[in-house]
Amino acid sequence: MKPMKTIRNLIVLLTAVCFGLAAIAFFLPQGIGTVCAIGTLALAALVLILCLAYGVLYFEQRRTAV
């Protein structure tokens, strides 16, 4: 149960950081904004991986609990 809570907290934190970087990238000039946009994409990919890991853990826990 503890790994699921940790992964969920990381997903929330990284999602907030992604939105912040996306907002920064929108308002910055093209060169710096591009760097922020690339960082946002990298973090979004990490969030997706964490969501998949959370889903696997969640469904595995439900399957073994029944």
PDB file of N, CA and C in Angstrom:
ATOM      1  N   MET A   1       0.822  -1.196   0.000  1.00  0.00           N
ATOM      2  CA  MET A   1       0.000   0.000   0.000  1.00  0.00           C
ATOM      3  C   MET A   1       0.862   1.255   0.000  1.00  0.00           C
ATOM      4  N   LYS A   2       1.995   1.203   0.688  1.00  0.00           N
ATOM      5  CA  LYS A   2       2.882   2.369   0.775  1.00  0.00           C
ATOM      6  C   LYS A   2       3.436   2.772  -0.588  1.00  0.00           C
ATOM      7  N   PRO A   3       3.886   1.814  -1.447  1.00  0.00           N
ATOM      8  CA  PRO A   3       4.380   2.227  -2.769  1.00  0.00           C
ATOM      9  C   PRO A   3       3.304   2.923  -3.600  1.00  0.00           C
ATOM     10  N   MET A   4       2.059   2.503  -3.463  1.00  0.00           N
ATOM     11  CA  MET A   4       0.988   3.125  -4.238  1.00  0.00           C
ATOM     12  C   MET A   4       0.795   4.577  -3.818  1.00  0.00           C
ATOM     13  N   LYS A   5       0.845   4.831  -2.517  1.00  0.00           N
ATOM     14  CA  LYS A   5       0.679   6.201  -2.023  1.00  0.00           C
ATOM     15  C   LYS A   5       1.837   7.077  -2.484  1.00  0.00           C
ATOM     16  N   THR A   6       3.050   6.531  -2.460  1.00  0.00           N
ATOM     17  CA  THR A   6       4.223   7.280  -2.902  1.00  0.00           C
ATOM     18  C   THR A   6       4.129   7.603  -4.384  1.00  0.00           C
ATOM     19  N   ILE A   7       3.737   6.630  -5.189  1.00  0.00           N
ATOM     20  CA  ILE A   7       3.599   6.855  -6.631  1.00  0.00           C
ATOM     21  C   ILE A   7       2.506   7.887  -6.898  1.00  0.00           C
ATOM     22  N   ARG A   8       1.405   7.796  -6.170  1.00  0.00           N
ATOM     23  CA  ARG A   8       0.314   8.761  -6.358  1.00  0.00           C
ATOM     24  C   ARG A   8       0.773  10.178  -6.007  1.00  0.00           C
ATOM     25  N   ASN A   9       1.530  10.324  -4.927  1.00  0.00           N
ATOM     26  CA  ASN A   9       2.042  11.641  -4.553  1.00  0.00           C
ATOM     27  C   ASN A   9       3.015  12.178  -5.601  1.00  0.00           C
ATOM     28  N   LEU A  10       3.852  11.308  -6.154  1.00  0.00           N
ATOM     29  CA  LEU A  10       4.779  11.724  -7.213  1.00  0.00           C
ATOM     30  C   LEU A  10       4.024  12.153  -8.460  1.00  0.00           C
ATOM     31  N   ILE A  11       2.963  11.443  -8.797  1.00  0.00           N
ATOM     32  CA  ILE A  11       2.170  11.804  -9.972  1.00  0.00           C
ATOM     33  C   ILE A  11       1.582  13.195  -9.798  1.00  0.00           C
ATOM     34  N   VAL A  12       1.025  13.470  -8.623  1.00  0.00           N
ATOM     35  CA  VAL A  12       0.424  14.783  -8.369  1.00  0.00           C
ATOM     36  C   VAL A  12       1.482  15.877  -8.431  1.00  0.00           C
ATOM     37  N   LEU A  13       2.617  15.650  -7.791  1.00  0.00           N
ATOM     38  CA  LEU A  13       3.691  16.643  -7.768  1.00  0.00           C
ATOM     39  C   LEU A  13       4.232  16.914  -9.168  1.00  0.00           C
ATOM     40  N   LEU A  14       4.534  15.871  -9.913  1.00  0.00           N
ATOM     41  CA  LEU A  14       5.099  16.046 -11.248  1.00  0.00           C
ATOM     42  C   LEU A  14       4.088  16.641 -12.220  1.00  0.00           C
ATOM     43  N   THR A  15       2.808  16.341 -12.034  1.00  0.00           N
ATOM     44  CA  THR A  15       1.787  16.957 -12.882  1.00  0.00           C
ATOM     45  C   THR A  15       1.735  18.460 -12.643  1.00  0.00           C
ATOM     46  N   ALA A  16       1.816  18.865 -11.377  1.00  0.00           N
ATOM     47  CA  ALA A  16       1.830  20.294 -11.059  1.00  0.00           C
ATOM     48  C   ALA A  16       3.063  20.970 -11.656  1.00  0.00           C
ATOM     49  N   VAL A  17       4.211  20.315 -11.586  1.00  0.00           N
ATOM     50  CA  VAL A  17       5.434  20.865 -12.167  1.00  0.00           C
ATOM     51  C   VAL A  17       5.303  20.974 -13.680  1.00  0.00           C
ATOM     52  N   CYS A  18       4.679  19.975 -14.315  1.00  0.00           N
ATOM     53  CA  CYS A  18       4.468  20.018 -15.770  1.00  0.00           C
ATOM     54  C   CYS A  18       3.614  21.216 -16.162  1.00  0.00           C
ATOM     55  N   PHE A  19       2.531  21.442 -15.430  1.00  0.00           N
ATOM     56  CA  PHE A  19       1.683  22.591 -15.741  1.00  0.00           C
ATOM     57  C   PHE A  19       2.443  23.897 -15.537  1.00  0.00           C
ATOM     58  N   GLY A  20       3.251  23.966 -14.486  1.00  0.00           N
ATOM     59  CA  GLY A  20       4.051  25.169 -14.253  1.00  0.00           C
ATOM     60  C   GLY A  20       5.051  25.414 -15.369  1.00  0.00           C
ATOM     61  N   LEU A  21       5.758  24.369 -15.779  1.00  0.00           N
ATOM     62  CA  LEU A  21       6.719  24.510 -16.877  1.00  0.00           C
ATOM     63  C   LEU A  21       6.029  24.866 -18.186  1.00  0.00           C
ATOM     64  N   ALA A  22       4.867  24.311 -18.422  1.00  0.00           N
ATOM     65  CA  ALA A  22       4.133  24.639 -19.643  1.00  0.00           C
ATOM     66  C   ALA A  22       3.727  26.109 -19.655  1.00  0.00           C
ATOM     67  N   ALA A  23       3.297  26.620 -18.501  1.00  0.00           N
ATOM     68  CA  ALA A  23       2.933  28.036 -18.413  1.00  0.00           C
ATOM     69  C   ALA A  23       4.156  28.926 -18.619  1.00  0.00           C
ATOM     70  N   ILE A  24       5.276  28.537 -18.031  1.00  0.00           N
ATOM     71  CA  ILE A  24       6.515  29.302 -18.203  1.00  0.00           C
ATOM     72  C   ILE A  24       6.942  29.277 -19.665  1.00  0.00           C
ATOM     73  N   ALA A  25       6.889  28.106 -20.284  1.00  0.00           N
ATOM     74  CA  ALA A  25       7.293  27.973 -21.688  1.00  0.00           C
ATOM     75  C   ALA A  25       6.413  28.826 -22.599  1.00  0.00           C
ATOM     76  N   PHE A  26       5.156  28.990 -22.238  1.00  0.00           N
ATOM     77  CA  PHE A  26       4.237  29.771 -23.057  1.00  0.00           C
ATOM     78  C   PHE A  26       4.618  31.255 -23.062  1.00  0.00           C
ATOM     79  N   PHE A  27       5.116  31.751 -21.930  1.00  0.00           N
ATOM     80  CA  PHE A  27       5.393  33.177 -21.809  1.00  0.00           C
ATOM     81  C   PHE A  27       6.844  33.562 -22.091  1.00  0.00           C
ATOM     82  N   LEU A  28       7.758  32.620 -22.126  1.00  0.00           N
ATOM     83  CA  LEU A  28       9.168  32.934 -22.349  1.00  0.00           C
ATOM     84  C   LEU A  28       9.483  33.051 -23.834  1.00  0.00           C
ATOM     85  N   PRO A  29      10.606  33.708 -24.147  1.00  0.00           N
ATOM     86  CA  PRO A  29      11.029  33.766 -25.557  1.00  0.00           C
ATOM     87  C   PRO A  29      11.291  32.367 -26.105  1.00  0.00           C
ATOM     88  N   GLN A  30      11.420  32.295 -27.420  1.00  0.00           N
ATOM     89  CA  GLN A  30      11.454  31.003 -28.092  1.00  0.00           C
ATOM     90  C   GLN A  30      12.588  30.092 -27.609  1.00  0.00           C
ATOM     91  N   GLY A  31      13.791  30.585 -27.442  1.00  0.00           N
ATOM     92  CA  GLY A  31      14.910  29.718 -27.060  1.00  0.00           C
ATOM     93  C   GLY A  31      14.732  29.081 -25.693  1.00  0.00           C
ATOM     94  N   ILE A  32      14.447  29.898 -24.687  1.00  0.00           N
ATOM     95  CA  ILE A  32      14.271  29.389 -23.328  1.00  0.00           C
ATOM     96  C   ILE A  32      12.956  28.634 -23.225  1.00  0.00           C
ATOM     97  N   GLY A  33      11.947  29.122 -23.920  1.00  0.00           N
ATOM     98  CA  GLY A  33      10.653  28.440 -23.917  1.00  0.00           C
ATOM     99  C   GLY A  33      10.738  27.045 -24.491  1.00  0.00           C
ATOM    100  N   THR A  34      11.591  26.859 -25.482  1.00  0.00           N
ATOM    101  CA  THR A  34      11.770  25.527 -26.076  1.00  0.00           C
ATOM    102  C   THR A  34      12.379  24.572 -25.057  1.00  0.00           C
ATOM    103  N   VAL A  35      13.341  25.050 -24.290  1.00  0.00           N
ATOM    104  CA  VAL A  35      13.956  24.214 -23.254  1.00  0.00           C
ATOM    105  C   VAL A  35      12.911  23.811 -22.219  1.00  0.00           C
ATOM    106  N   CYS A  36      12.081  24.766 -21.790  1.00  0.00           N
ATOM    107  CA  CYS A  36      11.021  24.460 -20.831  1.00  0.00           C
ATOM    108  C   CYS A  36      10.009  23.485 -21.432  1.00  0.00           C
ATOM    109  N   ALA A  37       9.712  23.647 -22.717  1.00  0.00           N
ATOM    110  CA  ALA A  37       8.763  22.742 -23.372  1.00  0.00           C
ATOM    111  C   ALA A  37       9.316  21.320 -23.434  1.00  0.00           C
ATOM    112  N   ILE A  38      10.608  21.193 -23.711  1.00  0.00           N
ATOM    113  CA  ILE A  38      11.229  19.863 -23.739  1.00  0.00           C
ATOM    114  C   ILE A  38      11.205  19.243 -22.344  1.00  0.00           C
ATOM    115  N   GLY A  39      11.482  20.065 -21.325  1.00  0.00           N
ATOM    116  CA  GLY A  39      11.405  19.579 -19.946  1.00  0.00           C
ATOM    117  C   GLY A  39      10.002  19.141 -19.587  1.00  0.00           C
ATOM    118  N   THR A  40       9.015  19.882 -20.068  1.00  0.00           N
ATOM    119  CA  THR A  40       7.620  19.526 -19.806  1.00  0.00           C
ATOM    120  C   THR A  40       7.280  18.186 -20.447  1.00  0.00           C
ATOM    121  N   LEU A  41       7.735  17.973 -21.672  1.00  0.00           N
ATOM    122  CA  LEU A  41       7.472  16.695 -22.344  1.00  0.00           C
ATOM    123  C   LEU A  41       8.144  15.532 -21.618  1.00  0.00           C
ATOM    124  N   ALA A  42       9.373  15.754 -21.154  1.00  0.00           N
ATOM    125  CA  ALA A  42      10.083  14.698 -20.428  1.00  0.00           C
ATOM    126  C   ALA A  42       9.351  14.356 -19.125  1.00  0.00           C
ATOM    127  N   LEU A  43       8.921  15.374 -18.401  1.00  0.00           N
ATOM    128  CA  LEU A  43       8.188  15.118 -17.160  1.00  0.00           C
ATOM    129  C   LEU A  43       6.833  14.474 -17.429  1.00  0.00           C
ATOM    130  N   ALA A  44       6.183  14.880 -18.506  1.00  0.00           N
ATOM    131  CA  ALA A  44       4.898  14.267 -18.858  1.00  0.00           C
ATOM    132  C   ALA A  44       5.073  12.781 -19.171  1.00  0.00           C
ATOM    133  N   ALA A  45       6.171  12.436 -19.836  1.00  0.00           N
ATOM    134  CA  ALA A  45       6.451  11.024 -20.110  1.00  0.00           C
ATOM    135  C   ALA A  45       6.675  10.263 -18.808  1.00  0.00           C
ATOM    136  N   LEU A  46       7.382  10.881 -17.864  1.00  0.00           N
ATOM    137  CA  LEU A  46       7.605  10.250 -16.564  1.00  0.00           C
ATOM    138  C   LEU A  46       6.289  10.075 -15.812  1.00  0.00           C
ATOM    139  N   VAL A  47       5.409  11.069 -15.884  1.00  0.00           N
ATOM    140  CA  VAL A  47       4.100  10.961 -15.248  1.00  0.00           C
ATOM    141  C   VAL A  47       3.307   9.809 -15.872  1.00  0.00           C
ATOM    142  N   LEU A  48       3.369   9.679 -17.180  1.00  0.00           N
ATOM    143  CA  LEU A  48       2.672   8.580 -17.847  1.00  0.00           C
ATOM    144  C   LEU A  48       3.195   7.227 -17.365  1.00  0.00           C
ATOM    145  N   ILE A  49       4.503   7.096 -17.255  1.00  0.00           N
ATOM    146  CA  ILE A  49       5.092   5.843 -16.769  1.00  0.00           C
ATOM    147  C   ILE A  49       4.649   5.564 -15.337  1.00  0.00           C
ATOM    148  N   LEU A  50       4.631   6.606 -14.496  1.00  0.00           N
ATOM    149  CA  LEU A  50       4.193   6.424 -13.116  1.00  0.00           C
ATOM    150  C   LEU A  50       2.711   6.057 -13.042  1.00  0.00           C
ATOM    151  N   CYS A  51       1.898   6.641 -13.912  1.00  0.00           N
ATOM    152  CA  CYS A  51       0.471   6.287 -13.954  1.00  0.00           C
ATOM    153  C   CYS A  51       0.290   4.823 -14.341  1.00  0.00           C
ATOM    154  N   LEU A  52       1.063   4.370 -15.305  1.00  0.00           N
ATOM    155  CA  LEU A  52       0.982   2.965 -15.704  1.00  0.00           C
ATOM    156  C   LEU A  52       1.422   2.047 -14.564  1.00  0.00           C
ATOM    157  N   ALA A  53       2.497   2.419 -13.866  1.00  0.00           N
ATOM    158  CA  ALA A  53       2.963   1.619 -12.732  1.00  0.00           C
ATOM    159  C   ALA A  53       1.905   1.591 -11.632  1.00  0.00           C
ATOM    160  N   TYR A  54       1.283   2.740 -11.376  1.00  0.00           N
ATOM    161  CA  TYR A  54       0.230   2.801 -10.366  1.00  0.00           C
ATOM    162  C   TYR A  54      -0.951   1.910 -10.755  1.00  0.00           C
ATOM    163  N   GLY A  55      -1.332   1.951 -12.028  1.00  0.00           N
ATOM    164  CA  GLY A  55      -2.425   1.111 -12.493  1.00  0.00           C
ATOM    165  C   GLY A  55      -2.120  -0.368 -12.347  1.00  0.00           C
ATOM    166  N   VAL A  56      -0.900  -0.748 -12.683  1.00  0.00           N
ATOM    167  CA  VAL A  56      -0.509  -2.157 -12.545  1.00  0.00           C
ATOM    168  C   VAL A  56      -0.560  -2.574 -11.088  1.00  0.00           C
ATOM    169  N   LEU A  57      -0.009  -1.753 -10.195  1.00  0.00           N
ATOM    170  CA  LEU A  57      -0.035  -2.081  -8.768  1.00  0.00           C
ATOM    171  C   LEU A  57      -1.464  -2.145  -8.238  1.00  0.00           C
ATOM    172  N   TYR A  58      -2.294  -1.203  -8.677  1.00  0.00           N
ATOM    173  CA  TYR A  58      -3.677  -1.150  -8.205  1.00  0.00           C
ATOM    174  C   TYR A  58      -4.443  -2.397  -8.616  1.00  0.00           C
ATOM    175  N   PHE A  59      -4.348  -2.770  -9.897  1.00  0.00           N
ATOM    176  CA  PHE A  59      -5.101  -3.927 -10.365  1.00  0.00           C
ATOM    177  C   PHE A  59      -4.513  -5.235  -9.835  1.00  0.00           C
ATOM    178  N   GLU A  60      -3.213  -5.275  -9.618  1.00  0.00           N
ATOM    179  CA  GLU A  60      -2.592  -6.461  -9.020  1.00  0.00           C
ATOM    180  C   GLU A  60      -3.059  -6.628  -7.583  1.00  0.00           C
ATOM    181  N   GLN A  61      -3.159  -5.514  -6.862  1.00  0.00           N
ATOM    182  CA  GLN A  61      -3.629  -5.571  -5.482  1.00  0.00           C
ATOM    183  C   GLN A  61      -5.087  -6.024  -5.422  1.00  0.00           C
ATOM    184  N   ARG A  62      -5.906  -5.523  -6.336  1.00  0.00           N
ATOM    185  CA  ARG A  62      -7.327  -5.918  -6.364  1.00  0.00           C
ATOM    186  C   ARG A  62      -7.477  -7.383  -6.744  1.00  0.00           C
ATOM    187  N   ARG A  63      -6.628  -7.844  -7.646  1.00  0.00           N
ATOM    188  CA  ARG A  63      -6.727  -9.232  -8.101  1.00  0.00           C
ATOM    189  C   ARG A  63      -6.342 -10.193  -6.979  1.00  0.00           C
ATOM    190  N   THR A  64      -5.311  -9.847  -6.227  1.00  0.00           N
ATOM    191  CA  THR A  64      -4.857 -10.749  -5.161  1.00  0.00           C
ATOM    192  C   THR A  64      -5.729 -10.646  -3.912  1.00  0.00           C
ATOM    193  N   ALA A  65      -6.462  -9.530  -3.758  1.00  0.00           N
ATOM    194  CA  ALA A  65      -7.320  -9.362  -2.578  1.00  0.00           C
ATOM    195  C   ALA A  65      -8.587 -10.203  -2.671  1.00  0.00           C
ATOM    196  N   VAL A  66      -8.992 -10.525  -3.874  1.00  0.00           N
ATOM    197  CA  VAL A  66     -10.260 -11.281  -4.048  1.00  0.00           C
ATOM    198  C   VAL A  66     -10.028 -12.739  -3.918  1.00  0.00           C
TER     199      VAL A  66
END
